[in-house]
Amino acid sequence: MSAKKETTILIIALVIALGLMGASVWWLTKELDGGIRVLTDSENPTPSQGIVNPEGESYPETLAEVQNVPRGLFSHGGSTTWVSIRVAVDPAIQTVWPQFQLRYTDPLRGAPSSGTGIQMLLDNQLTFAMSARPISDGEYQKARDRGFTLKEIPVAIDGIAIVVHPSLPISGITIEQFDGIYAGEITNWNQVGGPDLKIQPYGKIDRDPADSNIILTATTTEALRGVGSNPGGIYWASAPLLVSQCMVKPLPVGRTANNFVAPYKLPFVPVSECPQRRNEVNLDVFRTGEYPWSRRLVVVVKENGQIDQQAGETYAKFLLTEQGQELIRKAGFVSLR
């Protein structure tokens, strides 16, 4: 074999060897990098990697990073608790994703609520719904009867506040006492440490009260006007909707009578100083669980394999980005991230 041929063969062999070595290094680097990502995602998430939820789905940091955003006009509605979230988040979504058009839709009959929103979703009047309570067994069954299933995606935690007339001299109320009032078992404020005064509970029309003495109202505003004009009145709803109101007084709530926790930041701002100063929701006591009454806010999605499902899941993803969660915190709710 000539020297020239030997040289050519050696060069070819060297190229092949270097190629195999390079492939091995690339494969090893890829595997190690993958191992670092898994460890980082699960133990110390970074802004570029997002957060992994219990189902293993990763949420990005900003609205702009959400993938597979559908195009179209999507109707949504439901719980009035969501008003401040919707007002804060929807315009931000529309700015970043103008092709994802959102239209808030009121029910044809009755007042907006979790129940009416889910019913409108079942009746194909909404693309997805907003709820302040879990889906009921009856609602799950109605969905199955229509050939699809419902899924709830938690996006925030809401604290519940109880309000009374500003003149009512009572330091707080326990959950058990509150339940007794709305069950019709406690009818006078002197039964819970207050004055000899008849209790007048107010509630929402979409609820089925055990006590027929409850005055049902179509809206939170209507209920607040009632409590504000009735010295014995009492009402409950989302803390961000009630705590800052001038016409009523939010009560500290406890699991026991010696452990009342205020839903507002101390010191308490009296009605006489409102609206120049207002009480603010104390998110810390809801976040830590010190306050005894909270609930999850969920996006209710129609699982039908169609664009309705994609739109509802995308909306939830928007809310679960860090940007969405920050907007939720600014709206007065506890974020999940």
C-alpha atoms as a PDB file:
ATOM      1  CA  MET A   1       0.000   0.000   0.000  1.00  0.00           C
ATOM      2  CA  SER A   2       1.396   3.411  -0.953  1.00  0.00           C
ATOM      3  CA  ALA A   3       2.171   6.064   1.629  1.00  0.00           C
ATOM      4  CA  LYS A   4      -0.468   8.292   0.079  1.00  0.00           C
ATOM      5  CA  LYS A   5      -3.216   5.671   0.537  1.00  0.00           C
ATOM      6  CA  GLU A   6      -2.128   4.984   4.119  1.00  0.00           C
ATOM      7  CA  THR A   7      -2.306   8.671   4.920  1.00  0.00           C
ATOM      8  CA  THR A   8      -5.798   8.905   3.428  1.00  0.00           C
ATOM      9  CA  ILE A   9      -7.012   5.920   5.462  1.00  0.00           C
ATOM     10  CA  LEU A  10      -5.563   7.359   8.680  1.00  0.00           C
ATOM     11  CA  ILE A  11      -7.288  10.694   8.079  1.00  0.00           C
ATOM     12  CA  ILE A  12     -10.656   8.970   7.479  1.00  0.00           C
ATOM     13  CA  ALA A  13     -10.264   6.878  10.631  1.00  0.00           C
ATOM     14  CA  LEU A  14      -9.392   9.969  12.668  1.00  0.00           C
ATOM     15  CA  VAL A  15     -12.476  11.816  11.381  1.00  0.00           C
ATOM     16  CA  ILE A  16     -14.704   8.861  12.274  1.00  0.00           C
ATOM     17  CA  ALA A  17     -13.197   8.625  15.749  1.00  0.00           C
ATOM     18  CA  LEU A  18     -13.622  12.313  16.391  1.00  0.00           C
ATOM     19  CA  GLY A  19     -17.203  12.128  15.177  1.00  0.00           C
ATOM     20  CA  LEU A  20     -18.003   9.258  17.542  1.00  0.00           C
ATOM     21  CA  MET A  21     -16.323  11.083  20.411  1.00  0.00           C
ATOM     22  CA  GLY A  22     -18.294  14.255  19.669  1.00  0.00           C
ATOM     23  CA  ALA A  23     -21.570  12.319  19.578  1.00  0.00           C
ATOM     24  CA  SER A  24     -20.768  10.752  22.928  1.00  0.00           C
ATOM     25  CA  VAL A  25     -19.982  14.116  24.495  1.00  0.00           C
ATOM     26  CA  TRP A  26     -23.227  15.607  23.083  1.00  0.00           C
ATOM     27  CA  TRP A  27     -25.290  12.683  24.434  1.00  0.00           C
ATOM     28  CA  LEU A  28     -23.654  12.860  27.872  1.00  0.00           C
ATOM     29  CA  THR A  29     -24.112  16.634  28.088  1.00  0.00           C
ATOM     30  CA  LYS A  30     -27.766  16.305  27.109  1.00  0.00           C
ATOM     31  CA  GLU A  31     -28.396  13.659  29.762  1.00  0.00           C
ATOM     32  CA  LEU A  32     -26.686  15.663  32.487  1.00  0.00           C
ATOM     33  CA  ASP A  33     -28.523  18.825  31.486  1.00  0.00           C
ATOM     34  CA  GLY A  34     -31.804  16.921  31.646  1.00  0.00           C
ATOM     35  CA  GLY A  35     -30.958  15.711  35.127  1.00  0.00           C
ATOM     36  CA  ILE A  36     -30.264  19.257  36.296  1.00  0.00           C
ATOM     37  CA  ARG A  37     -33.605  20.483  34.906  1.00  0.00           C
ATOM     38  CA  VAL A  38     -35.570  17.816  36.730  1.00  0.00           C
ATOM     39  CA  LEU A  39     -33.880  18.658  40.010  1.00  0.00           C
ATOM     40  CA  THR A  40     -34.293  22.387  39.504  1.00  0.00           C
ATOM     41  CA  ASP A  41     -37.950  22.222  38.459  1.00  0.00           C
ATOM     42  CA  SER A  42     -38.948  20.162  41.459  1.00  0.00           C
ATOM     43  CA  GLU A  43     -36.875  21.801  44.175  1.00  0.00           C
ATOM     44  CA  ASN A  44     -35.844  25.304  43.189  1.00  0.00           C
ATOM     45  CA  PRO A  45     -37.759  26.639  40.147  1.00  0.00           C
ATOM     46  CA  THR A  46     -36.182  29.430  38.132  1.00  0.00           C
ATOM     47  CA  PRO A  47     -38.045  32.151  36.209  1.00  0.00           C
ATOM     48  CA  SER A  48     -37.233  30.616  32.830  1.00  0.00           C
ATOM     49  CA  GLN A  49     -38.570  27.183  33.748  1.00  0.00           C
ATOM     50  CA  GLY A  50     -41.844  28.098  35.441  1.00  0.00           C
ATOM     51  CA  ILE A  51     -43.617  26.105  38.136  1.00  0.00           C
ATOM     52  CA  VAL A  52     -44.698  22.484  37.909  1.00  0.00           C
ATOM     53  CA  ASN A  53     -48.138  21.835  39.377  1.00  0.00           C
ATOM     54  CA  PRO A  54     -49.113  18.537  41.073  1.00  0.00           C
ATOM     55  CA  GLU A  55     -50.213  17.148  37.687  1.00  0.00           C
ATOM     56  CA  GLY A  56     -46.756  17.844  36.272  1.00  0.00           C
ATOM     57  CA  GLU A  57     -47.699  20.782  34.051  1.00  0.00           C
ATOM     58  CA  SER A  58     -45.289  23.693  33.895  1.00  0.00           C
ATOM     59  CA  TYR A  59     -46.599  27.265  33.900  1.00  0.00           C
ATOM     60  CA  PRO A  60     -44.535  30.092  32.385  1.00  0.00           C
ATOM     61  CA  GLU A  61     -43.781  33.386  34.039  1.00  0.00           C
ATOM     62  CA  THR A  62     -45.599  35.766  31.698  1.00  0.00           C
ATOM     63  CA  LEU A  63     -48.814  35.814  29.702  1.00  0.00           C
ATOM     64  CA  ALA A  64     -46.782  36.132  26.504  1.00  0.00           C
ATOM     65  CA  GLU A  65     -45.055  32.777  27.151  1.00  0.00           C
ATOM     66  CA  VAL A  66     -48.268  30.704  27.194  1.00  0.00           C
ATOM     67  CA  GLN A  67     -48.284  28.245  24.298  1.00  0.00           C
ATOM     68  CA  ASN A  68     -51.024  27.098  21.883  1.00  0.00           C
ATOM     69  CA  VAL A  69     -53.365  30.039  22.520  1.00  0.00           C
ATOM     70  CA  PRO A  70     -56.531  29.534  20.425  1.00  0.00           C
ATOM     71  CA  ARG A  71     -58.049  32.223  18.240  1.00  0.00           C
ATOM     72  CA  GLY A  72     -61.697  33.230  18.579  1.00  0.00           C
ATOM     73  CA  LEU A  73     -64.378  34.919  20.672  1.00  0.00           C
ATOM     74  CA  PHE A  74     -64.906  33.133  23.995  1.00  0.00           C
ATOM     75  CA  SER A  75     -67.785  33.814  26.393  1.00  0.00           C
ATOM     76  CA  HIS A  76     -67.233  33.433  30.108  1.00  0.00           C
ATOM     77  CA  GLY A  77     -69.170  34.258  33.268  1.00  0.00           C
ATOM     78  CA  GLY A  78     -70.198  33.026  36.691  1.00  0.00           C
ATOM     79  CA  SER A  79     -69.369  33.994  40.266  1.00  0.00           C
ATOM     80  CA  THR A  80     -69.459  37.686  41.192  1.00  0.00           C
ATOM     81  CA  THR A  81     -66.470  36.965  43.444  1.00  0.00           C
ATOM     82  CA  TRP A  82     -64.420  36.932  40.255  1.00  0.00           C
ATOM     83  CA  VAL A  83     -65.247  40.535  39.304  1.00  0.00           C
ATOM     84  CA  SER A  84     -62.011  42.100  40.565  1.00  0.00           C
ATOM     85  CA  ILE A  85     -59.910  39.276  39.060  1.00  0.00           C
ATOM     86  CA  ARG A  86     -61.643  39.565  35.719  1.00  0.00           C
ATOM     87  CA  VAL A  87     -61.249  43.349  35.650  1.00  0.00           C
ATOM     88  CA  ALA A  88     -57.522  43.028  36.420  1.00  0.00           C
ATOM     89  CA  VAL A  89     -56.595  40.035  34.267  1.00  0.00           C
ATOM     90  CA  ASP A  90     -58.785  40.147  31.148  1.00  0.00           C
ATOM     91  CA  PRO A  91     -57.459  43.480  29.775  1.00  0.00           C
ATOM     92  CA  ALA A  92     -53.885  42.247  30.271  1.00  0.00           C
ATOM     93  CA  ILE A  93     -54.675  39.075  28.327  1.00  0.00           C
ATOM     94  CA  GLN A  94     -56.326  41.051  25.529  1.00  0.00           C
ATOM     95  CA  THR A  95     -53.282  43.313  25.243  1.00  0.00           C
ATOM     96  CA  VAL A  96     -50.855  40.410  24.832  1.00  0.00           C
ATOM     97  CA  TRP A  97     -53.170  38.039  22.942  1.00  0.00           C
ATOM     98  CA  PRO A  98     -55.722  40.124  20.983  1.00  0.00           C
ATOM     99  CA  GLN A  99     -56.801  37.045  19.021  1.00  0.00           C
ATOM    100  CA  PHE A 100     -58.010  35.468  22.300  1.00  0.00           C
ATOM    101  CA  GLN A 101     -61.145  37.594  22.582  1.00  0.00           C
ATOM    102  CA  LEU A 102     -63.050  37.480  25.874  1.00  0.00           C
ATOM    103  CA  ARG A 103     -66.696  38.405  26.366  1.00  0.00           C
ATOM    104  CA  TYR A 104     -68.280  38.460  29.819  1.00  0.00           C
ATOM    105  CA  THR A 105     -71.857  37.158  29.659  1.00  0.00           C
ATOM    106  CA  ASP A 106     -74.615  37.562  32.253  1.00  0.00           C
ATOM    107  CA  PRO A 107     -77.310  34.901  32.633  1.00  0.00           C
ATOM    108  CA  LEU A 108     -80.580  35.422  30.774  1.00  0.00           C
ATOM    109  CA  ARG A 109     -82.458  34.827  34.033  1.00  0.00           C
ATOM    110  CA  GLY A 110     -81.338  35.393  37.600  1.00  0.00           C
ATOM    111  CA  ALA A 111     -78.204  36.994  38.973  1.00  0.00           C
ATOM    112  CA  PRO A 112     -74.597  36.034  38.138  1.00  0.00           C
ATOM    113  CA  SER A 113     -73.258  33.336  40.462  1.00  0.00           C
ATOM    114  CA  SER A 114     -71.197  30.171  40.487  1.00  0.00           C
ATOM    115  CA  GLY A 115     -74.369  28.135  39.972  1.00  0.00           C
ATOM    116  CA  THR A 116     -75.730  30.152  37.068  1.00  0.00           C
ATOM    117  CA  GLY A 117     -72.302  30.197  35.414  1.00  0.00           C
ATOM    118  CA  ILE A 118     -71.941  26.421  35.550  1.00  0.00           C
ATOM    119  CA  GLN A 119     -75.525  25.973  34.307  1.00  0.00           C
ATOM    120  CA  MET A 120     -74.793  28.313  31.377  1.00  0.00           C
ATOM    121  CA  LEU A 121     -71.717  26.234  30.597  1.00  0.00           C
ATOM    122  CA  LEU A 122     -73.837  23.078  30.633  1.00  0.00           C
ATOM    123  CA  ASP A 123     -76.354  24.769  28.328  1.00  0.00           C
ATOM    124  CA  ASN A 124     -73.609  25.755  25.864  1.00  0.00           C
ATOM    125  CA  GLN A 125     -74.045  29.480  26.601  1.00  0.00           C
ATOM    126  CA  LEU A 126     -70.483  29.894  27.899  1.00  0.00           C
ATOM    127  CA  THR A 127     -67.102  28.667  26.720  1.00  0.00           C
ATOM    128  CA  PHE A 128     -65.913  28.275  30.318  1.00  0.00           C
ATOM    129  CA  ALA A 129     -67.180  29.373  33.732  1.00  0.00           C
ATOM    130  CA  MET A 130     -65.755  30.998  36.856  1.00  0.00           C
ATOM    131  CA  SER A 131     -66.748  29.484  40.186  1.00  0.00           C
ATOM    132  CA  ALA A 132     -66.180  30.194  43.881  1.00  0.00           C
ATOM    133  CA  ARG A 133     -67.224  26.690  44.893  1.00  0.00           C
ATOM    134  CA  PRO A 134     -66.566  23.103  43.782  1.00  0.00           C
ATOM    135  CA  ILE A 135     -68.636  21.502  41.040  1.00  0.00           C
ATOM    136  CA  SER A 136     -71.574  19.645  42.608  1.00  0.00           C
ATOM    137  CA  ASP A 137     -72.418  15.982  42.018  1.00  0.00           C
ATOM    138  CA  GLY A 138     -75.596  17.063  40.242  1.00  0.00           C
ATOM    139  CA  GLU A 139     -73.623  19.295  37.875  1.00  0.00           C
ATOM    140  CA  TYR A 140     -71.183  16.495  37.101  1.00  0.00           C
ATOM    141  CA  GLN A 141     -74.138  14.241  36.285  1.00  0.00           C
ATOM    142  CA  LYS A 142     -75.779  16.839  34.032  1.00  0.00           C
ATOM    143  CA  ALA A 143     -72.526  17.100  32.090  1.00  0.00           C
ATOM    144  CA  ARG A 144     -72.337  13.324  31.654  1.00  0.00           C
ATOM    145  CA  ASP A 145     -75.946  13.319  30.452  1.00  0.00           C
ATOM    146  CA  ARG A 146     -74.892  15.802  27.758  1.00  0.00           C
ATOM    147  CA  GLY A 147     -71.966  13.671  26.631  1.00  0.00           C
ATOM    148  CA  PHE A 148     -68.990  15.445  28.236  1.00  0.00           C
ATOM    149  CA  THR A 149     -67.324  15.950  31.617  1.00  0.00           C
ATOM    150  CA  LEU A 150     -66.477  19.010  33.708  1.00  0.00           C
ATOM    151  CA  LYS A 151     -63.088  19.863  35.173  1.00  0.00           C
ATOM    152  CA  GLU A 152     -62.228  22.510  37.753  1.00  0.00           C
ATOM    153  CA  ILE A 153     -58.810  24.170  37.722  1.00  0.00           C
ATOM    154  CA  PRO A 154     -57.911  26.040  40.957  1.00  0.00           C
ATOM    155  CA  VAL A 155     -56.231  29.419  40.405  1.00  0.00           C
ATOM    156  CA  ALA A 156     -56.577  31.310  43.715  1.00  0.00           C
ATOM    157  CA  ILE A 157     -57.767  31.192  47.331  1.00  0.00           C
ATOM    158  CA  ASP A 158     -60.536  33.474  48.539  1.00  0.00           C
ATOM    159  CA  GLY A 159     -61.267  34.364  52.149  1.00  0.00           C
ATOM    160  CA  ILE A 160     -64.867  34.747  53.329  1.00  0.00           C
ATOM    161  CA  ALA A 161     -65.886  37.770  55.373  1.00  0.00           C
ATOM    162  CA  ILE A 162     -68.957  38.234  57.585  1.00  0.00           C
ATOM    163  CA  VAL A 163     -70.404  41.730  57.886  1.00  0.00           C
ATOM    164  CA  VAL A 164     -72.977  43.304  60.214  1.00  0.00           C
ATOM    165  CA  HIS A 165     -74.432  46.751  60.855  1.00  0.00           C
ATOM    166  CA  PRO A 166     -71.706  49.192  62.030  1.00  0.00           C
ATOM    167  CA  SER A 167     -73.548  49.896  65.297  1.00  0.00           C
ATOM    168  CA  LEU A 168     -73.730  46.247  66.404  1.00  0.00           C
ATOM    169  CA  PRO A 169     -71.572  45.886  69.585  1.00  0.00           C
ATOM    170  CA  ILE A 170     -70.104  42.417  69.050  1.00  0.00           C
ATOM    171  CA  SER A 171     -66.416  41.486  69.027  1.00  0.00           C
ATOM    172  CA  GLY A 172     -66.609  38.505  66.715  1.00  0.00           C
ATOM    173  CA  ILE A 173     -68.402  35.323  65.748  1.00  0.00           C
ATOM    174  CA  THR A 174     -67.480  31.638  65.508  1.00  0.00           C
ATOM    175  CA  ILE A 175     -68.109  29.475  62.471  1.00  0.00           C
ATOM    176  CA  GLU A 176     -70.473  27.352  64.570  1.00  0.00           C
ATOM    177  CA  GLN A 177     -72.471  30.417  65.612  1.00  0.00           C
ATOM    178  CA  PHE A 178     -72.643  31.635  62.021  1.00  0.00           C
ATOM    179  CA  ASP A 179     -73.943  28.234  60.880  1.00  0.00           C
ATOM    180  CA  GLY A 180     -76.541  28.353  63.655  1.00  0.00           C
ATOM    181  CA  ILE A 181     -77.754  31.758  62.500  1.00  0.00           C
ATOM    182  CA  TYR A 182     -78.219  30.652  58.893  1.00  0.00           C
ATOM    183  CA  ALA A 183     -79.821  27.390  59.991  1.00  0.00           C
ATOM    184  CA  GLY A 184     -82.436  29.360  61.964  1.00  0.00           C
ATOM    185  CA  GLU A 185     -81.256  27.998  65.312  1.00  0.00           C
ATOM    186  CA  ILE A 186     -79.845  31.322  66.585  1.00  0.00           C
ATOM    187  CA  THR A 187     -82.293  34.190  66.104  1.00  0.00           C
ATOM    188  CA  ASN A 188     -81.193  36.893  68.570  1.00  0.00           C
ATOM    189  CA  TRP A 189     -77.838  38.600  68.946  1.00  0.00           C
ATOM    190  CA  ASN A 190     -77.975  38.096  72.723  1.00  0.00           C
ATOM    191  CA  GLN A 191     -77.413  34.374  72.047  1.00  0.00           C
ATOM    192  CA  VAL A 192     -73.899  35.147  70.791  1.00  0.00           C
ATOM    193  CA  GLY A 193     -72.855  37.867  73.233  1.00  0.00           C
ATOM    194  CA  GLY A 194     -74.608  40.823  71.596  1.00  0.00           C
ATOM    195  CA  PRO A 195     -77.619  42.977  72.505  1.00  0.00           C
ATOM    196  CA  ASP A 196     -81.242  41.865  72.704  1.00  0.00           C
ATOM    197  CA  LEU A 197     -81.872  42.346  69.007  1.00  0.00           C
ATOM    198  CA  LYS A 198     -83.426  40.115  66.365  1.00  0.00           C
ATOM    199  CA  ILE A 199     -80.943  38.755  63.824  1.00  0.00           C
ATOM    200  CA  GLN A 200     -81.802  39.357  60.175  1.00  0.00           C
ATOM    201  CA  PRO A 201     -79.713  37.186  57.837  1.00  0.00           C
ATOM    202  CA  TYR A 202     -79.267  38.138  54.173  1.00  0.00           C
ATOM    203  CA  GLY A 203     -78.331  35.708  51.412  1.00  0.00           C
ATOM    204  CA  LYS A 204     -78.102  35.129  47.669  1.00  0.00           C
ATOM    205  CA  ILE A 205     -81.112  34.137  45.568  1.00  0.00           C
ATOM    206  CA  ASP A 206     -79.200  31.215  44.036  1.00  0.00           C
ATOM    207  CA  ARG A 207     -78.917  29.504  47.420  1.00  0.00           C
ATOM    208  CA  ASP A 208     -81.469  27.284  49.133  1.00  0.00           C
ATOM    209  CA  PRO A 209     -81.531  28.515  52.730  1.00  0.00           C
ATOM    210  CA  ALA A 210     -82.591  26.307  55.618  1.00  0.00           C
ATOM    211  CA  ASP A 211     -84.131  29.321  57.377  1.00  0.00           C
ATOM    212  CA  SER A 212     -87.065  30.921  55.551  1.00  0.00           C
ATOM    213  CA  ASN A 213     -86.370  34.110  57.530  1.00  0.00           C
ATOM    214  CA  ILE A 214     -83.339  34.847  55.317  1.00  0.00           C
ATOM    215  CA  ILE A 215     -83.859  37.813  53.016  1.00  0.00           C
ATOM    216  CA  LEU A 216     -82.652  36.739  49.582  1.00  0.00           C
ATOM    217  CA  THR A 217     -81.002  39.323  47.353  1.00  0.00           C
ATOM    218  CA  ALA A 218     -79.990  39.277  43.696  1.00  0.00           C
ATOM    219  CA  THR A 219     -76.658  41.029  44.224  1.00  0.00           C
ATOM    220  CA  THR A 220     -74.056  41.681  46.901  1.00  0.00           C
ATOM    221  CA  THR A 221     -74.753  45.413  46.605  1.00  0.00           C
ATOM    222  CA  GLU A 222     -78.417  44.832  47.447  1.00  0.00           C
ATOM    223  CA  ALA A 223     -77.473  42.711  50.462  1.00  0.00           C
ATOM    224  CA  LEU A 224     -75.023  45.336  51.732  1.00  0.00           C
ATOM    225  CA  ARG A 225     -77.674  48.024  51.518  1.00  0.00           C
ATOM    226  CA  GLY A 226     -79.972  45.810  53.549  1.00  0.00           C
ATOM    227  CA  VAL A 227     -77.412  45.130  56.285  1.00  0.00           C
ATOM    228  CA  GLY A 228     -76.344  48.779  56.301  1.00  0.00           C
ATOM    229  CA  SER A 229     -79.902  49.872  57.067  1.00  0.00           C
ATOM    230  CA  ASN A 230     -80.841  47.061  59.474  1.00  0.00           C
ATOM    231  CA  PRO A 231     -79.151  47.080  62.944  1.00  0.00           C
ATOM    232  CA  GLY A 232     -79.685  43.318  63.238  1.00  0.00           C
ATOM    233  CA  GLY A 233     -78.494  42.420  59.712  1.00  0.00           C
ATOM    234  CA  ILE A 234     -75.756  39.948  58.785  1.00  0.00           C
ATOM    235  CA  TYR A 235     -74.312  38.836  55.438  1.00  0.00           C
ATOM    236  CA  TRP A 236     -71.311  36.926  54.113  1.00  0.00           C
ATOM    237  CA  ALA A 237     -69.376  36.919  50.852  1.00  0.00           C
ATOM    238  CA  SER A 238     -65.860  37.191  49.436  1.00  0.00           C
ATOM    239  CA  ALA A 239     -63.581  39.283  51.673  1.00  0.00           C
ATOM    240  CA  PRO A 240     -62.287  41.507  48.837  1.00  0.00           C
ATOM    241  CA  LEU A 241     -65.902  42.457  48.088  1.00  0.00           C
ATOM    242  CA  LEU A 242     -66.868  43.270  51.692  1.00  0.00           C
ATOM    243  CA  VAL A 243     -63.927  44.349  53.834  1.00  0.00           C
ATOM    244  CA  SER A 244     -63.483  47.795  52.257  1.00  0.00           C
ATOM    245  CA  GLN A 245     -67.196  48.720  52.260  1.00  0.00           C
ATOM    246  CA  CYS A 246     -68.259  51.835  54.167  1.00  0.00           C
ATOM    247  CA  MET A 247     -71.843  50.877  55.039  1.00  0.00           C
ATOM    248  CA  VAL A 248     -71.117  47.676  57.016  1.00  0.00           C
ATOM    249  CA  LYS A 249     -68.650  46.318  59.592  1.00  0.00           C
ATOM    250  CA  PRO A 250     -66.596  43.152  58.955  1.00  0.00           C
ATOM    251  CA  LEU A 251     -66.425  40.830  61.961  1.00  0.00           C
ATOM    252  CA  PRO A 252     -63.433  38.862  63.260  1.00  0.00           C
ATOM    253  CA  VAL A 253     -64.143  35.137  62.919  1.00  0.00           C
ATOM    254  CA  GLY A 254     -62.888  32.218  64.991  1.00  0.00           C
ATOM    255  CA  ARG A 255     -63.016  28.474  65.286  1.00  0.00           C
ATOM    256  CA  THR A 256     -63.623  29.107  68.989  1.00  0.00           C
ATOM    257  CA  ALA A 257     -64.906  32.129  70.915  1.00  0.00           C
ATOM    258  CA  ASN A 258     -61.470  32.900  72.376  1.00  0.00           C
ATOM    259  CA  ASN A 259     -59.616  32.897  69.052  1.00  0.00           C
ATOM    260  CA  PHE A 260     -61.121  35.522  66.767  1.00  0.00           C
ATOM    261  CA  VAL A 261     -59.095  36.534  63.693  1.00  0.00           C
ATOM    262  CA  ALA A 262     -59.896  39.674  61.716  1.00  0.00           C
ATOM    263  CA  PRO A 263     -60.113  39.434  57.905  1.00  0.00           C
ATOM    264  CA  TYR A 264     -58.764  42.994  57.700  1.00  0.00           C
ATOM    265  CA  LYS A 265     -55.430  44.614  58.484  1.00  0.00           C
ATOM    266  CA  LEU A 266     -55.213  46.128  61.936  1.00  0.00           C
ATOM    267  CA  PRO A 267     -55.968  48.666  63.243  1.00  0.00           C
ATOM    268  CA  PHE A 268     -59.638  48.644  62.291  1.00  0.00           C
ATOM    269  CA  VAL A 269     -60.824  51.681  60.333  1.00  0.00           C
ATOM    270  CA  PRO A 270     -64.221  52.832  61.684  1.00  0.00           C
ATOM    271  CA  VAL A 271     -67.066  53.702  59.322  1.00  0.00           C
ATOM    272  CA  SER A 272     -66.804  57.364  60.333  1.00  0.00           C
ATOM    273  CA  GLU A 273     -63.422  57.575  58.559  1.00  0.00           C
ATOM    274  CA  CYS A 274     -64.603  55.896  55.350  1.00  0.00           C
ATOM    275  CA  PRO A 275     -64.181  56.538  52.406  1.00  0.00           C
ATOM    276  CA  GLN A 276     -61.130  58.700  53.153  1.00  0.00           C
ATOM    277  CA  ARG A 277     -59.640  55.555  54.722  1.00  0.00           C
ATOM    278  CA  ARG A 278     -60.828  52.015  54.170  1.00  0.00           C
ATOM    279  CA  ASN A 279     -60.148  48.649  55.726  1.00  0.00           C
ATOM    280  CA  GLU A 280     -57.883  46.387  53.680  1.00  0.00           C
ATOM    281  CA  VAL A 281     -58.006  42.602  53.341  1.00  0.00           C
ATOM    282  CA  ASN A 282     -55.316  40.828  55.367  1.00  0.00           C
ATOM    283  CA  LEU A 283     -54.064  38.271  52.855  1.00  0.00           C
ATOM    284  CA  ASP A 284     -51.500  36.896  55.303  1.00  0.00           C
ATOM    285  CA  VAL A 285     -54.106  35.329  57.617  1.00  0.00           C
ATOM    286  CA  PHE A 286     -55.751  33.627  54.634  1.00  0.00           C
ATOM    287  CA  ARG A 287     -52.420  32.451  53.246  1.00  0.00           C
ATOM    288  CA  THR A 288     -51.295  30.909  56.546  1.00  0.00           C
ATOM    289  CA  GLY A 289     -54.692  29.390  57.367  1.00  0.00           C
ATOM    290  CA  GLU A 290     -54.915  31.387  60.597  1.00  0.00           C
ATOM    291  CA  TYR A 291     -58.269  32.762  59.437  1.00  0.00           C
ATOM    292  CA  PRO A 292     -60.748  29.873  59.610  1.00  0.00           C
ATOM    293  CA  TRP A 293     -62.834  30.374  56.474  1.00  0.00           C
ATOM    294  CA  SER A 294     -61.516  30.257  52.925  1.00  0.00           C
ATOM    295  CA  ARG A 295     -62.316  28.591  49.596  1.00  0.00           C
ATOM    296  CA  ARG A 296     -60.697  27.925  46.236  1.00  0.00           C
ATOM    297  CA  LEU A 297     -61.589  29.865  43.113  1.00  0.00           C
ATOM    298  CA  VAL A 298     -61.717  27.601  40.066  1.00  0.00           C
ATOM    299  CA  VAL A 299     -62.055  27.848  36.301  1.00  0.00           C
ATOM    300  CA  VAL A 300     -64.685  25.306  35.212  1.00  0.00           C
ATOM    301  CA  VAL A 301     -63.799  23.713  31.880  1.00  0.00           C
ATOM    302  CA  LYS A 302     -65.943  21.636  29.546  1.00  0.00           C
ATOM    303  CA  GLU A 303     -63.901  18.544  28.648  1.00  0.00           C
ATOM    304  CA  ASN A 304     -65.184  17.804  25.153  1.00  0.00           C
ATOM    305  CA  GLY A 305     -61.978  17.734  23.119  1.00  0.00           C
ATOM    306  CA  GLN A 306     -63.025  20.872  21.253  1.00  0.00           C
ATOM    307  CA  ILE A 307     -61.982  24.527  21.237  1.00  0.00           C
ATOM    308  CA  ASP A 308     -64.147  25.207  24.321  1.00  0.00           C
ATOM    309  CA  GLN A 309     -61.864  22.971  26.351  1.00  0.00           C
ATOM    310  CA  GLN A 310     -58.722  24.492  24.858  1.00  0.00           C
ATOM    311  CA  ALA A 311     -59.943  28.039  25.591  1.00  0.00           C
ATOM    312  CA  GLY A 312     -60.872  27.250  29.203  1.00  0.00           C
ATOM    313  CA  GLU A 313     -57.576  25.511  29.900  1.00  0.00           C
ATOM    314  CA  THR A 314     -55.682  28.386  28.266  1.00  0.00           C
ATOM    315  CA  TYR A 315     -57.486  30.952  30.429  1.00  0.00           C
ATOM    316  CA  ALA A 316     -56.495  28.980  33.538  1.00  0.00           C
ATOM    317  CA  LYS A 317     -52.900  28.864  32.288  1.00  0.00           C
ATOM    318  CA  PHE A 318     -52.930  32.645  31.923  1.00  0.00           C
ATOM    319  CA  LEU A 319     -54.047  32.981  35.555  1.00  0.00           C
ATOM    320  CA  LEU A 320     -51.416  30.513  36.761  1.00  0.00           C
ATOM    321  CA  THR A 321     -48.482  32.324  35.177  1.00  0.00           C
ATOM    322  CA  GLU A 322     -46.498  34.407  37.648  1.00  0.00           C
ATOM    323  CA  GLN A 323     -47.841  37.520  35.932  1.00  0.00           C
ATOM    324  CA  GLY A 324     -51.403  36.275  36.341  1.00  0.00           C
ATOM    325  CA  GLN A 325     -50.830  35.318  39.962  1.00  0.00           C
ATOM    326  CA  GLU A 326     -49.443  38.777  40.698  1.00  0.00           C
ATOM    327  CA  LEU A 327     -52.592  40.333  39.228  1.00  0.00           C
ATOM    328  CA  ILE A 328     -54.659  38.000  41.424  1.00  0.00           C
ATOM    329  CA  ARG A 329     -52.746  39.155  44.511  1.00  0.00           C
ATOM    330  CA  LYS A 330     -53.303  42.788  43.577  1.00  0.00           C
ATOM    331  CA  ALA A 331     -57.027  42.026  43.261  1.00  0.00           C
ATOM    332  CA  GLY A 332     -57.060  40.994  46.921  1.00  0.00           C
ATOM    333  CA  PHE A 333     -56.859  37.195  46.699  1.00  0.00           C
ATOM    334  CA  VAL A 334     -54.267  34.637  47.756  1.00  0.00           C
ATOM    335  CA  SER A 335     -52.245  33.256  44.867  1.00  0.00           C
ATOM    336  CA  LEU A 336     -51.420  29.564  44.500  1.00  0.00           C
ATOM    337  CA  ARG A 337     -47.812  30.197  43.447  1.00  0.00           C
END
